[in-house]
C-alpha atoms as a PDB file:
ATOM      1  CA  MET A   1     132.318 146.461 117.590  1.00  0.00           C
ATOM      2  CA  LYS A   2     131.781 142.682 117.681  1.00  0.00           C
ATOM      3  CA  THR A   3     133.913 142.438 120.853  1.00  0.00           C
ATOM      4  CA  LEU A   4     131.783 145.116 122.535  1.00  0.00           C
ATOM      5  CA  TYR A   5     128.574 143.312 121.518  1.00  0.00           C
ATOM      6  CA  THR A   6     129.903 139.961 122.765  1.00  0.00           C
ATOM      7  CA  SER A   7     130.947 141.564 126.071  1.00  0.00           C
ATOM      8  CA  TYR A   8     127.470 143.074 126.456  1.00  0.00           C
ATOM      9  CA  ARG A   9     125.844 139.667 125.815  1.00  0.00           C
ATOM     10  CA  LEU A  10     128.105 138.004 128.400  1.00  0.00           C
ATOM     11  CA  PHE A  11     127.372 140.763 130.907  1.00  0.00           C
ATOM     12  CA  HIS A  12     123.627 140.410 130.303  1.00  0.00           C
ATOM     13  CA  LEU A  13     123.757 136.670 130.995  1.00  0.00           C
ATOM     14  CA  VAL A  14     125.775 137.254 134.171  1.00  0.00           C
ATOM     15  CA  ILE A  15     123.095 139.727 135.329  1.00  0.00           C
ATOM     16  CA  LEU A  16     120.390 137.119 134.763  1.00  0.00           C
ATOM     17  CA  LEU A  17     122.348 134.538 136.692  1.00  0.00           C
ATOM     18  CA  LEU A  18     122.993 136.930 139.581  1.00  0.00           C
ATOM     19  CA  ILE A  19     119.291 137.504 140.141  1.00  0.00           C
ATOM     20  CA  ALA A  20     118.119 133.963 139.361  1.00  0.00           C
ATOM     21  CA  ASP A  21     117.896 132.992 143.021  1.00  0.00           C
ATOM     22  CA  SER A  22     115.705 136.016 143.815  1.00  0.00           C
ATOM     23  CA  LEU A  23     113.228 135.307 141.009  1.00  0.00           C
ATOM     24  CA  PRO A  24     110.595 132.548 141.179  1.00  0.00           C
ATOM     25  CA  ALA A  25     111.957 130.712 138.130  1.00  0.00           C
ATOM     26  CA  GLN A  26     112.062 126.996 137.404  1.00  0.00           C
ATOM     27  CA  ASN A  27     114.013 126.875 134.125  1.00  0.00           C
ATOM     28  CA  ILE A  28     116.716 128.667 132.208  1.00  0.00           C
ATOM     29  CA  ARG A  29     115.889 128.820 128.503  1.00  0.00           C
ATOM     30  CA  PHE A  30     118.333 129.494 125.660  1.00  0.00           C
ATOM     31  CA  SER A  31     117.169 130.481 122.165  1.00  0.00           C
ATOM     32  CA  PHE A  32     119.778 130.201 119.429  1.00  0.00           C
ATOM     33  CA  THR A  33     120.393 132.056 116.190  1.00  0.00           C
ATOM     34  CA  ASN A  34     119.647 128.861 114.210  1.00  0.00           C
ATOM     35  CA  GLY A  35     116.090 128.783 115.627  1.00  0.00           C
ATOM     36  CA  ASN A  36     116.644 126.001 118.181  1.00  0.00           C
ATOM     37  CA  THR A  37     115.608 126.366 121.814  1.00  0.00           C
ATOM     38  CA  GLU A  38     117.058 124.533 124.818  1.00  0.00           C
ATOM     39  CA  PHE A  39     115.823 124.690 128.388  1.00  0.00           C
ATOM     40  CA  TYR A  40     117.232 123.308 131.623  1.00  0.00           C
ATOM     41  CA  PRO A  41     115.539 123.041 135.021  1.00  0.00           C
ATOM     42  CA  LEU A  42     117.468 125.294 137.425  1.00  0.00           C
ATOM     43  CA  HIS A  43     117.725 122.527 140.023  1.00  0.00           C
ATOM     44  CA  GLU A  44     119.787 120.525 137.467  1.00  0.00           C
ATOM     45  CA  VAL A  45     122.284 123.368 136.833  1.00  0.00           C
ATOM     46  CA  ARG A  46     125.391 123.150 139.022  1.00  0.00           C
ATOM     47  CA  LYS A  47     127.154 126.245 137.673  1.00  0.00           C
ATOM     48  CA  ILE A  48     127.816 128.352 134.602  1.00  0.00           C
ATOM     49  CA  THR A  49     131.319 129.349 133.567  1.00  0.00           C
ATOM     50  CA  PHE A  50     132.874 131.172 130.644  1.00  0.00           C
ATOM     51  CA  SER A  51     135.973 130.316 128.622  1.00  0.00           C
ATOM     52  CA  GLY A  52     136.524 133.418 126.533  1.00  0.00           C
ATOM     53  CA  THR A  53     133.263 133.814 124.620  1.00  0.00           C
ATOM     54  CA  VAL A  54     132.138 130.222 125.256  1.00  0.00           C
ATOM     55  CA  LEU A  55     129.412 129.665 127.845  1.00  0.00           C
ATOM     56  CA  ASN A  56     129.725 126.351 129.719  1.00  0.00           C
ATOM     57  CA  LEU A  57     126.576 125.089 131.440  1.00  0.00           C
ATOM     58  CA  HIS A  58     127.623 122.479 134.038  1.00  0.00           C
ATOM     59  CA  LEU A  59     124.793 120.132 134.995  1.00  0.00           C
ATOM     60  CA  ASN A  60     124.529 118.106 138.198  1.00  0.00           C
ATOM     61  CA  ALA A  61     124.657 114.870 136.158  1.00  0.00           C
ATOM     62  CA  GLY A  62     128.278 115.648 135.193  1.00  0.00           C
ATOM     63  CA  ILE A  63     127.360 116.803 131.682  1.00  0.00           C
ATOM     64  CA  THR A  64     128.616 120.141 130.352  1.00  0.00           C
ATOM     65  CA  GLU A  65     126.841 121.917 127.493  1.00  0.00           C
ATOM     66  CA  SER A  66     128.915 124.600 125.721  1.00  0.00           C
ATOM     67  CA  TRP A  67     128.007 127.309 123.217  1.00  0.00           C
ATOM     68  CA  ASP A  68     129.717 130.348 121.795  1.00  0.00           C
ATOM     69  CA  VAL A  69     127.750 133.282 123.159  1.00  0.00           C
ATOM     70  CA  SER A  70     127.367 134.715 119.631  1.00  0.00           C
ATOM     71  CA  THR A  71     125.057 131.763 118.801  1.00  0.00           C
ATOM     72  CA  ILE A  72     122.691 132.573 121.702  1.00  0.00           C
ATOM     73  CA  SER A  73     119.996 135.000 120.572  1.00  0.00           C
ATOM     74  CA  ASN A  74     118.077 135.104 123.870  1.00  0.00           C
ATOM     75  CA  TYR A  75     118.150 133.668 127.371  1.00  0.00           C
ATOM     76  CA  SER A  76     115.467 133.881 130.009  1.00  0.00           C
ATOM     77  CA  PHE A  77     114.071 132.286 133.124  1.00  0.00           C
ATOM     78  CA  ASP A  78     110.535 130.932 133.358  1.00  0.00           C
ATOM     79  CA  ASN A  79     108.185 128.990 135.602  1.00  0.00           C
ATOM     80  CA  THR A  80     107.158 126.322 133.096  1.00  0.00           C
ATOM     81  CA  VAL A  81     108.156 123.069 134.739  1.00  0.00           C
ATOM     82  CA  GLY A  82     109.451 120.498 132.256  1.00  0.00           C
ATOM     83  CA  LEU A  83     107.642 121.726 129.153  1.00  0.00           C
ATOM     84  CA  PRO A  84     109.436 122.886 126.019  1.00  0.00           C
ATOM     85  CA  GLU A  85     108.262 126.193 124.542  1.00  0.00           C
ATOM     86  CA  THR A  86     106.357 124.533 121.709  1.00  0.00           C
ATOM     87  CA  ALA A  87     104.292 122.490 124.175  1.00  0.00           C
ATOM     88  CA  SER A  88     103.696 125.277 126.700  1.00  0.00           C
ATOM     89  CA  GLY A  89     102.768 127.840 124.036  1.00  0.00           C
ATOM     90  CA  ALA A  90     104.593 131.120 123.555  1.00  0.00           C
ATOM     91  CA  VAL A  91     102.581 133.892 125.192  1.00  0.00           C
ATOM     92  CA  LEU A  92     105.036 136.752 124.660  1.00  0.00           C
ATOM     93  CA  SER A  93     106.953 137.921 121.594  1.00  0.00           C
ATOM     94  CA  ASP A  94     108.659 140.929 120.021  1.00  0.00           C
ATOM     95  CA  VAL A  95     110.032 142.210 123.346  1.00  0.00           C
ATOM     96  CA  GLN A  96     112.012 145.418 122.875  1.00  0.00           C
ATOM     97  CA  VAL A  97     113.586 147.841 125.345  1.00  0.00           C
ATOM     98  CA  PHE A  98     114.556 151.250 123.966  1.00  0.00           C
ATOM     99  CA  PRO A  99     116.476 153.432 124.073  1.00  0.00           C
ATOM    100  CA  ASN A 100     119.073 151.243 125.696  1.00  0.00           C
ATOM    101  CA  PRO A 101     121.365 152.603 127.049  1.00  0.00           C
ATOM    102  CA  SER A 102     119.242 155.545 128.201  1.00  0.00           C
ATOM    103  CA  SER A 103     119.781 158.725 130.165  1.00  0.00           C
ATOM    104  CA  GLY A 104     116.152 158.749 131.293  1.00  0.00           C
ATOM    105  CA  ALA A 105     112.882 157.056 130.429  1.00  0.00           C
ATOM    106  CA  VAL A 106     112.848 153.623 128.792  1.00  0.00           C
ATOM    107  CA  THR A 107     110.047 152.085 126.725  1.00  0.00           C
ATOM    108  CA  ILE A 108     109.305 148.361 126.974  1.00  0.00           C
ATOM    109  CA  SER A 109     107.176 147.064 124.104  1.00  0.00           C
ATOM    110  CA  TYR A 110     105.922 143.517 123.554  1.00  0.00           C
ATOM    111  CA  THR A 111     103.211 141.490 121.897  1.00  0.00           C
ATOM    112  CA  LEU A 112     100.920 139.192 123.875  1.00  0.00           C
ATOM    113  CA  GLN A 113      99.831 136.099 121.960  1.00  0.00           C
ATOM    114  CA  LYS A 114      96.934 135.564 124.373  1.00  0.00           C
ATOM    115  CA  PRO A 115      95.405 137.558 127.251  1.00  0.00           C
ATOM    116  CA  GLY A 116      97.028 137.242 130.643  1.00  0.00           C
ATOM    117  CA  ASN A 117      98.125 138.792 133.903  1.00  0.00           C
ATOM    118  CA  VAL A 118     101.221 140.838 133.057  1.00  0.00           C
ATOM    119  CA  THR A 119     103.798 141.955 135.595  1.00  0.00           C
ATOM    120  CA  LEU A 120     106.636 144.311 134.665  1.00  0.00           C
ATOM    121  CA  GLU A 121     109.312 144.860 137.311  1.00  0.00           C
ATOM    122  CA  ILE A 122     112.728 146.498 137.419  1.00  0.00           C
ATOM    123  CA  TYR A 123     115.496 144.974 139.583  1.00  0.00           C
ATOM    124  CA  ASP A 124     118.968 146.161 140.501  1.00  0.00           C
ATOM    125  CA  LEU A 125     122.004 143.892 140.195  1.00  0.00           C
ATOM    126  CA  GLN A 126     121.625 142.704 143.791  1.00  0.00           C
ATOM    127  CA  GLY A 127     118.197 141.290 142.903  1.00  0.00           C
ATOM    128  CA  LYS A 128     116.325 143.990 144.832  1.00  0.00           C
ATOM    129  CA  LEU A 129     113.020 145.135 143.360  1.00  0.00           C
ATOM    130  CA  VAL A 130     113.461 148.772 142.304  1.00  0.00           C
ATOM    131  CA  LYS A 131     109.995 149.373 140.861  1.00  0.00           C
ATOM    132  CA  GLN A 132     106.902 147.474 139.866  1.00  0.00           C
ATOM    133  CA  VAL A 133     105.916 149.253 136.666  1.00  0.00           C
ATOM    134  CA  LEU A 134     102.826 147.172 135.905  1.00  0.00           C
ATOM    135  CA  SER A 135     100.661 144.394 137.322  1.00  0.00           C
ATOM    136  CA  THR A 136      97.394 143.972 135.451  1.00  0.00           C
ATOM    137  CA  VAL A 137      95.484 141.782 133.014  1.00  0.00           C
ATOM    138  CA  GLN A 138      96.157 142.725 129.393  1.00  0.00           C
ATOM    139  CA  GLN A 139      94.524 141.606 126.170  1.00  0.00           C
ATOM    140  CA  THR A 140      96.146 139.998 123.124  1.00  0.00           C
ATOM    141  CA  GLY A 141      98.157 142.328 120.912  1.00  0.00           C
ATOM    142  CA  LYS A 142     100.908 144.924 120.922  1.00  0.00           C
ATOM    143  CA  GLN A 143     101.553 146.516 124.334  1.00  0.00           C
ATOM    144  CA  GLN A 144     103.878 149.293 125.485  1.00  0.00           C
ATOM    145  CA  GLN A 145     104.931 150.477 128.935  1.00  0.00           C
ATOM    146  CA  ASN A 146     107.286 153.242 130.036  1.00  0.00           C
ATOM    147  CA  TRP A 147     109.689 153.242 132.963  1.00  0.00           C
ATOM    148  CA  ASN A 148     110.798 156.733 133.918  1.00  0.00           C
ATOM    149  CA  ALA A 149     114.021 155.498 135.596  1.00  0.00           C
ATOM    150  CA  THR A 150     112.657 156.048 139.097  1.00  0.00           C
ATOM    151  CA  ASP A 151     112.194 153.718 142.052  1.00  0.00           C
ATOM    152  CA  ASP A 152     108.915 152.969 143.871  1.00  0.00           C
ATOM    153  CA  THR A 153     109.299 156.172 145.925  1.00  0.00           C
ATOM    154  CA  GLY A 154     109.635 158.337 142.802  1.00  0.00           C
ATOM    155  CA  ARG A 155     113.363 159.029 143.200  1.00  0.00           C
ATOM    156  CA  ALA A 156     115.578 158.873 140.108  1.00  0.00           C
ATOM    157  CA  VAL A 157     117.694 155.716 140.060  1.00  0.00           C
ATOM    158  CA  SER A 158     121.476 155.930 140.005  1.00  0.00           C
ATOM    159  CA  PRO A 159     123.263 155.376 136.709  1.00  0.00           C
ATOM    160  CA  GLY A 160     124.043 151.703 136.258  1.00  0.00           C
ATOM    161  CA  HIS A 161     122.717 148.354 135.092  1.00  0.00           C
ATOM    162  CA  TYR A 162     119.183 147.164 135.835  1.00  0.00           C
ATOM    163  CA  VAL A 163     117.115 144.133 134.867  1.00  0.00           C
ATOM    164  CA  CYS A 164     113.654 144.422 133.361  1.00  0.00           C
ATOM    165  CA  ARG A 165     111.508 141.379 134.270  1.00  0.00           C
ATOM    166  CA  LEU A 166     108.351 140.875 132.209  1.00  0.00           C
ATOM    167  CA  SER A 167     106.119 137.987 133.320  1.00  0.00           C
ATOM    168  CA  VAL A 168     102.943 136.626 131.777  1.00  0.00           C
ATOM    169  CA  GLY A 169     101.251 133.240 131.948  1.00  0.00           C
ATOM    170  CA  GLY A 170     104.049 131.582 133.950  1.00  0.00           C
ATOM    171  CA  HIS A 171     106.716 132.752 131.494  1.00  0.00           C
ATOM    172  CA  THR A 172     109.346 135.326 132.361  1.00  0.00           C
ATOM    173  CA  TYR A 173     111.445 137.379 129.981  1.00  0.00           C
ATOM    174  CA  THR A 174     114.356 139.432 131.250  1.00  0.00           C
ATOM    175  CA  GLU A 175     116.341 142.172 129.568  1.00  0.00           C
ATOM    176  CA  SER A 176     119.253 144.295 130.726  1.00  0.00           C
ATOM    177  CA  ILE A 177     118.736 148.071 130.925  1.00  0.00           C
ATOM    178  CA  ILE A 178     121.593 150.532 131.201  1.00  0.00           C
ATOM    179  CA  ILE A 179     120.855 153.943 132.739  1.00  0.00           C
ATOM    180  CA  GLN A 180     123.603 156.482 132.065  1.00  0.00           C
END
């Protein structure tokens, strides 16, 4: 079971990296199981490789940061230029996507720490926008949106892997969705 979970985490990170160029992000942010957070401006990242379950982040300065993927609790892309999360202020928490995997509709729930313009989009693995689920101002508190596994024309999407992109206040959170 642990091998399957580790493989899923590696696959999820690869999905994020595949679409990074198509998203208006400035940083890649890693949150770790010990509570620490690291972020790196995308223009400073040369490449990311894997050695087994170890993620190697190769920076343009010749430095390589390495972590076992089991120590990474979350990874996301955001637009906050040069500010750590504590300085920029977390605006989004408790993000959950369920059921996942799903054979149909998926629920995306989250808590906004302050009001803001929220955009919820679904992308395929080629970085193509499949559907914009939401684009509106929302108030502080628990929020929930449903994606019925259809594209912008109303057609059911093919089984496969998709990326949910939730943006608010210059921060972006991404999560993998599997449609069976």
